[in-house]
Amino acid sequence: MLSHTSHPGNIGAAARAMKTMGLSRLYLVNPKFFPDAQATAMAAGADDILEQAVVCASIEEALHGVVYTVGMSARVRDISQQVLPPRAAMPQLLQHAQQPVALLFGTEMSGLTNEELARCHLMVRIPVNPEYSSLNLAAAVQLIAYELRLAAGQGEIEAPAVQPAPAEHVEGFFRQLEATLVEIEFLHGQHHAKLMRRLRRLYARAQLEEEEVNILRGILTLTTQYHGKLRQEVKAHVQGD
């Protein structure tokens, strides 16, 4: 919920921030300019959030039916409400989310009014650098929406599925690797077996996939071909002398 937003670009950027975090219900209290082309441009594809935005004439109208309101405040004020950082506040908001709840952001220049603050059950202050505390409205929306997503248990990132190459294919690679290293005289003498064990451990940590095994074997094949060609050229040069 954005109150008295003066720059339409911030509305669009806030809509974009919301959509990236899975939020969709945007309420606007007396925006200075809306709808506006700048809002659409800054939404960067989150046009549906703007199209469905509810424009309200007053904070009373915007909070109708809401059971729990969390306000954002960057300034230290003489207020009685509890003030928490976002990570501590979002779980409290979710405790009431079976019914309508609201995140309330004030105007860019002065934030929430005293009347708006009085309607909040909890205040949130983002712990920014005290020497430079200026935070763009849309950036604040993004940060709070992110913390809300984490608190809702939706912040896990699934690792891409890894399908290791079959053991026989990996062994084929190791046989080719050993033969190639012997041929180019990298492996020789008493350290031969020890170096191969170390190389095995190295590639075991990588959990080679089928395509990666094919790439490595292709490199080894070209290495062998190049080495054979080089030896022939050297031999021909010696015979020519």
Protein backbone atom coordinates (compact mmCIF):
# COMPACT_ATOMS: atom_id res chain seq x y z
CA MET A 1 0.00 0.00 0.00
CA LEU A 2 1.59 3.27 -1.19
CA SER A 3 0.32 6.52 0.31
CA HIS A 4 0.47 9.84 -1.54
CA THR A 5 3.18 8.74 -3.96
CA SER A 6 4.44 11.77 -5.85
CA HIS A 7 6.51 10.14 -8.61
CA PRO A 8 4.64 7.73 -10.93
CA GLY A 9 7.90 5.94 -11.75
CA ASN A 10 8.09 4.77 -8.15
CA ILE A 11 4.65 3.20 -8.46
CA GLY A 12 5.75 1.25 -11.52
CA ALA A 13 9.04 0.20 -9.93
CA ALA A 14 7.18 -0.88 -6.79
CA ALA A 15 4.82 -2.99 -8.92
CA ARG A 16 7.83 -4.65 -10.53
CA ALA A 17 9.36 -5.31 -7.11
CA MET A 18 6.11 -6.85 -5.91
CA LYS A 19 5.73 -9.15 -8.90
CA THR A 20 9.26 -10.51 -8.60
CA MET A 21 8.44 -11.55 -5.02
CA GLY A 22 5.02 -13.00 -5.80
CA LEU A 23 2.85 -10.16 -4.45
CA SER A 24 -0.04 -8.83 -6.51
CA ARG A 25 -2.39 -6.60 -4.50
CA LEU A 26 -1.34 -2.96 -4.82
CA TYR A 27 -3.32 -0.19 -3.12
CA LEU A 28 -2.63 3.48 -3.84
CA VAL A 29 -3.79 6.27 -1.55
CA ASN A 30 -4.15 9.56 -3.42
CA PRO A 31 -1.25 9.13 -5.87
CA LYS A 32 -0.24 12.40 -7.49
CA PHE A 33 -0.09 10.89 -10.98
CA PHE A 34 -1.79 7.60 -11.85
CA PRO A 35 -2.30 6.04 -14.31
CA ASP A 36 0.85 7.36 -15.96
CA ALA A 37 3.18 6.35 -18.77
CA GLN A 38 6.19 6.52 -16.45
CA ALA A 39 4.57 4.03 -14.09
CA THR A 40 3.97 1.64 -16.97
CA ALA A 41 7.54 2.02 -18.23
CA MET A 42 9.08 1.40 -14.81
CA ALA A 43 6.83 -1.60 -14.20
CA ALA A 44 8.89 -3.43 -16.85
CA GLY A 45 6.24 -6.03 -17.59
CA ALA A 46 4.35 -5.93 -14.30
CA ASP A 47 1.49 -4.16 -16.06
CA ASP A 48 -1.07 -6.52 -14.55
CA ILE A 49 -0.18 -5.24 -11.07
CA LEU A 50 -0.83 -1.67 -12.21
CA GLU A 51 -4.04 -2.57 -14.03
CA GLN A 52 -5.44 -4.24 -10.93
CA ALA A 53 -4.22 -1.54 -8.51
CA VAL A 54 -6.92 -0.10 -6.26
CA VAL A 55 -6.84 3.70 -5.98
CA CYS A 56 -8.30 5.00 -2.73
CA ALA A 57 -9.21 8.52 -1.69
CA SER A 58 -8.21 8.07 1.95
CA ILE A 59 -6.29 5.84 4.32
CA GLU A 60 -9.62 4.83 5.89
CA GLU A 61 -10.82 3.51 2.55
CA ALA A 62 -7.54 1.73 1.84
CA LEU A 63 -7.48 -0.05 5.21
CA HIS A 64 -11.12 -1.09 5.14
CA GLY A 65 -11.30 -4.73 6.25
CA VAL A 66 -7.59 -4.92 7.14
CA VAL A 67 -6.89 -6.57 10.51
CA TYR A 68 -3.15 -5.88 10.82
CA THR A 69 -1.09 -3.03 9.38
CA VAL A 70 2.68 -2.76 9.31
CA GLY A 71 4.04 0.71 8.57
CA MET A 72 7.47 1.63 7.22
CA SER A 73 9.35 4.46 8.87
CA ALA A 74 12.88 5.67 8.15
CA ARG A 75 12.78 8.42 10.79
CA VAL A 76 13.15 8.10 14.54
CA ARG A 77 9.94 9.42 16.08
CA ASP A 78 8.33 9.66 19.46
CA ILE A 79 5.88 6.83 18.86
CA SER A 80 4.56 4.10 21.12
CA GLN A 81 4.38 1.33 18.51
CA GLN A 82 6.87 -1.48 18.51
CA VAL A 83 9.64 -0.93 15.95
CA LEU A 84 11.38 -3.94 14.42
CA PRO A 85 13.76 -4.66 11.53
CA PRO A 86 12.16 -6.36 8.52
CA ARG A 87 13.41 -9.88 9.28
CA ALA A 88 11.83 -9.84 12.73
CA ALA A 89 8.64 -8.09 11.64
CA MET A 90 7.54 -10.17 8.65
CA PRO A 91 6.85 -13.36 10.66
CA GLN A 92 4.58 -11.32 12.93
CA LEU A 93 2.67 -10.03 9.90
CA LEU A 94 2.24 -13.56 8.60
CA GLN A 95 0.67 -14.64 11.88
CA HIS A 96 -2.32 -12.44 10.96
CA ALA A 97 -2.33 -13.20 7.23
CA GLN A 98 -5.32 -15.54 7.35
CA GLN A 99 -7.25 -12.28 7.08
CA PRO A 100 -6.35 -9.11 5.12
CA VAL A 101 -3.09 -7.46 6.22
CA ALA A 102 -1.27 -4.43 4.85
CA LEU A 103 2.24 -3.11 4.34
CA LEU A 104 1.98 0.67 4.39
CA PHE A 105 4.58 2.93 2.73
CA GLY A 106 4.45 6.72 2.99
CA THR A 107 5.28 9.44 0.53
CA GLU A 108 8.83 9.73 -0.80
CA MET A 109 9.70 13.02 0.91
CA SER A 110 8.30 12.67 4.41
CA GLY A 111 7.14 9.09 4.84
CA LEU A 112 4.01 8.28 6.83
CA THR A 113 1.97 10.98 8.48
CA ASN A 114 1.20 10.86 12.18
CA GLU A 115 -2.38 9.90 11.34
CA GLU A 116 -1.14 6.98 9.22
CA LEU A 117 1.31 5.92 11.93
CA ALA A 118 -1.51 5.82 14.44
CA ARG A 119 -3.27 3.21 12.30
CA CYS A 120 -0.29 0.84 12.31
CA HIS A 121 0.00 -2.09 14.68
CA LEU A 122 3.75 -2.44 14.12
CA MET A 123 6.49 -0.24 12.68
CA VAL A 124 9.40 -1.45 10.58
CA ARG A 125 12.68 0.37 10.13
CA ILE A 126 15.21 -0.88 7.62
CA PRO A 127 18.69 -0.85 9.23
CA VAL A 128 20.51 1.26 6.65
CA ASN A 129 23.81 3.11 6.83
CA PRO A 130 23.20 5.90 9.40
CA GLU A 131 25.50 8.22 7.45
CA TYR A 132 23.41 7.83 4.30
CA SER A 133 19.92 6.62 5.05
CA SER A 134 18.23 7.72 1.82
CA LEU A 135 16.39 4.70 0.39
CA ASN A 136 14.28 4.85 -2.74
CA LEU A 137 10.62 3.94 -2.21
CA ALA A 138 10.66 1.10 -4.74
CA ALA A 139 13.91 -0.24 -3.24
CA ALA A 140 12.24 -0.32 0.17
CA VAL A 141 9.27 -2.17 -1.30
CA GLN A 142 11.64 -4.69 -2.90
CA LEU A 143 13.49 -5.29 0.34
CA ILE A 144 10.35 -5.73 2.43
CA ALA A 145 8.73 -7.98 -0.19
CA TYR A 146 11.87 -10.12 -0.21
CA GLU A 147 11.86 -10.47 3.57
CA LEU A 148 8.17 -11.37 3.47
CA ARG A 149 8.88 -14.06 0.89
CA LEU A 150 11.64 -15.50 3.06
CA ALA A 151 9.40 -15.48 6.13
CA ALA A 152 6.73 -17.33 4.15
CA GLY A 153 9.23 -20.10 3.37
CA GLN A 154 9.44 -19.29 -0.32
CA GLY A 155 13.10 -18.31 -0.44
CA GLU A 156 14.61 -21.70 -1.18
CA ILE A 157 16.52 -21.95 -4.45
CA GLU A 158 16.49 -25.37 -6.05
CA ALA A 159 19.86 -26.49 -7.32
CA PRO A 160 19.85 -27.72 -10.92
CA ALA A 161 19.60 -31.48 -11.18
CA VAL A 162 22.99 -33.08 -11.71
CA GLN A 163 23.16 -36.39 -13.54
CA PRO A 164 26.66 -37.82 -13.05
CA ALA A 165 28.12 -39.87 -15.88
CA PRO A 166 28.03 -43.67 -15.41
CA ALA A 167 31.08 -45.19 -13.74
CA GLU A 168 32.14 -47.08 -16.89
CA HIS A 169 32.21 -43.84 -18.90
CA VAL A 170 34.27 -42.10 -16.23
CA GLU A 171 36.67 -45.05 -16.15
CA GLY A 172 37.00 -44.82 -19.91
CA PHE A 173 37.97 -41.18 -19.50
CA PHE A 174 40.57 -42.03 -16.85
CA ARG A 175 42.14 -44.71 -19.08
CA GLN A 176 42.37 -42.23 -21.93
CA LEU A 177 43.69 -39.53 -19.61
CA GLU A 178 46.41 -41.79 -18.26
CA ALA A 179 47.43 -42.95 -21.74
CA THR A 180 47.57 -39.37 -23.01
CA LEU A 181 49.63 -38.14 -20.05
CA VAL A 182 52.04 -41.01 -20.53
CA GLU A 183 52.32 -40.25 -24.24
CA ILE A 184 53.15 -36.57 -23.66
CA GLU A 185 55.55 -37.68 -20.90
CA PHE A 186 53.73 -35.93 -18.08
CA LEU A 187 53.37 -39.23 -16.23
CA HIS A 188 56.55 -41.17 -15.71
CA GLY A 189 58.65 -42.72 -13.00
CA GLN A 190 57.69 -43.49 -9.43
CA HIS A 191 55.07 -40.72 -9.10
CA HIS A 192 52.91 -42.07 -11.92
CA ALA A 193 50.36 -43.87 -9.72
CA LYS A 194 50.28 -41.12 -7.08
CA LEU A 195 49.48 -38.43 -9.65
CA MET A 196 46.70 -40.51 -11.15
CA ARG A 197 45.13 -40.97 -7.71
CA ARG A 198 45.20 -37.23 -7.18
CA LEU A 199 43.62 -36.63 -10.58
CA ARG A 200 40.91 -39.14 -9.74
CA ARG A 201 40.11 -37.30 -6.51
CA LEU A 202 40.03 -33.98 -8.35
CA TYR A 203 37.52 -35.19 -10.95
CA ALA A 204 35.49 -37.07 -8.33
CA ARG A 205 34.82 -33.76 -6.57
CA ALA A 206 33.56 -32.33 -9.86
CA GLN A 207 30.94 -35.10 -10.29
CA LEU A 208 31.43 -35.23 -14.03
CA GLU A 209 28.34 -35.31 -16.19
CA GLU A 210 28.10 -37.24 -19.45
CA GLU A 211 28.58 -34.20 -21.66
CA GLU A 212 31.57 -33.07 -19.58
CA VAL A 213 33.20 -36.49 -19.94
CA ASN A 214 32.71 -36.24 -23.72
CA ILE A 215 34.26 -32.77 -23.77
CA LEU A 216 37.29 -33.89 -21.79
CA ARG A 217 37.79 -36.98 -23.95
CA GLY A 218 37.57 -34.79 -27.05
CA ILE A 219 40.34 -32.57 -25.64
CA LEU A 220 42.48 -35.64 -24.93
CA THR A 221 41.92 -36.95 -28.46
CA LEU A 222 43.04 -33.67 -30.01
CA THR A 223 45.99 -33.53 -27.63
CA THR A 224 47.11 -36.99 -28.75
CA GLN A 225 46.66 -36.10 -32.41
CA TYR A 226 48.58 -32.87 -32.03
CA HIS A 227 51.39 -34.58 -30.13
CA GLY A 228 51.65 -37.30 -32.78
CA LYS A 229 51.79 -34.69 -35.54
CA LEU A 230 54.43 -32.73 -33.66
CA ARG A 231 56.58 -35.85 -33.23
CA GLN A 232 56.34 -36.59 -36.94
CA GLU A 233 57.39 -33.05 -37.80
CA VAL A 234 60.36 -33.26 -35.45
CA LYS A 235 61.33 -36.66 -36.86
CA ALA A 236 61.09 -35.36 -40.43
CA HIS A 237 63.16 -32.32 -39.52
CA VAL A 238 65.88 -34.51 -37.96
CA GLN A 239 65.97 -36.83 -40.95
CA GLY A 240 66.18 -33.83 -43.26
CA ASP A 241 69.23 -32.58 -41.45
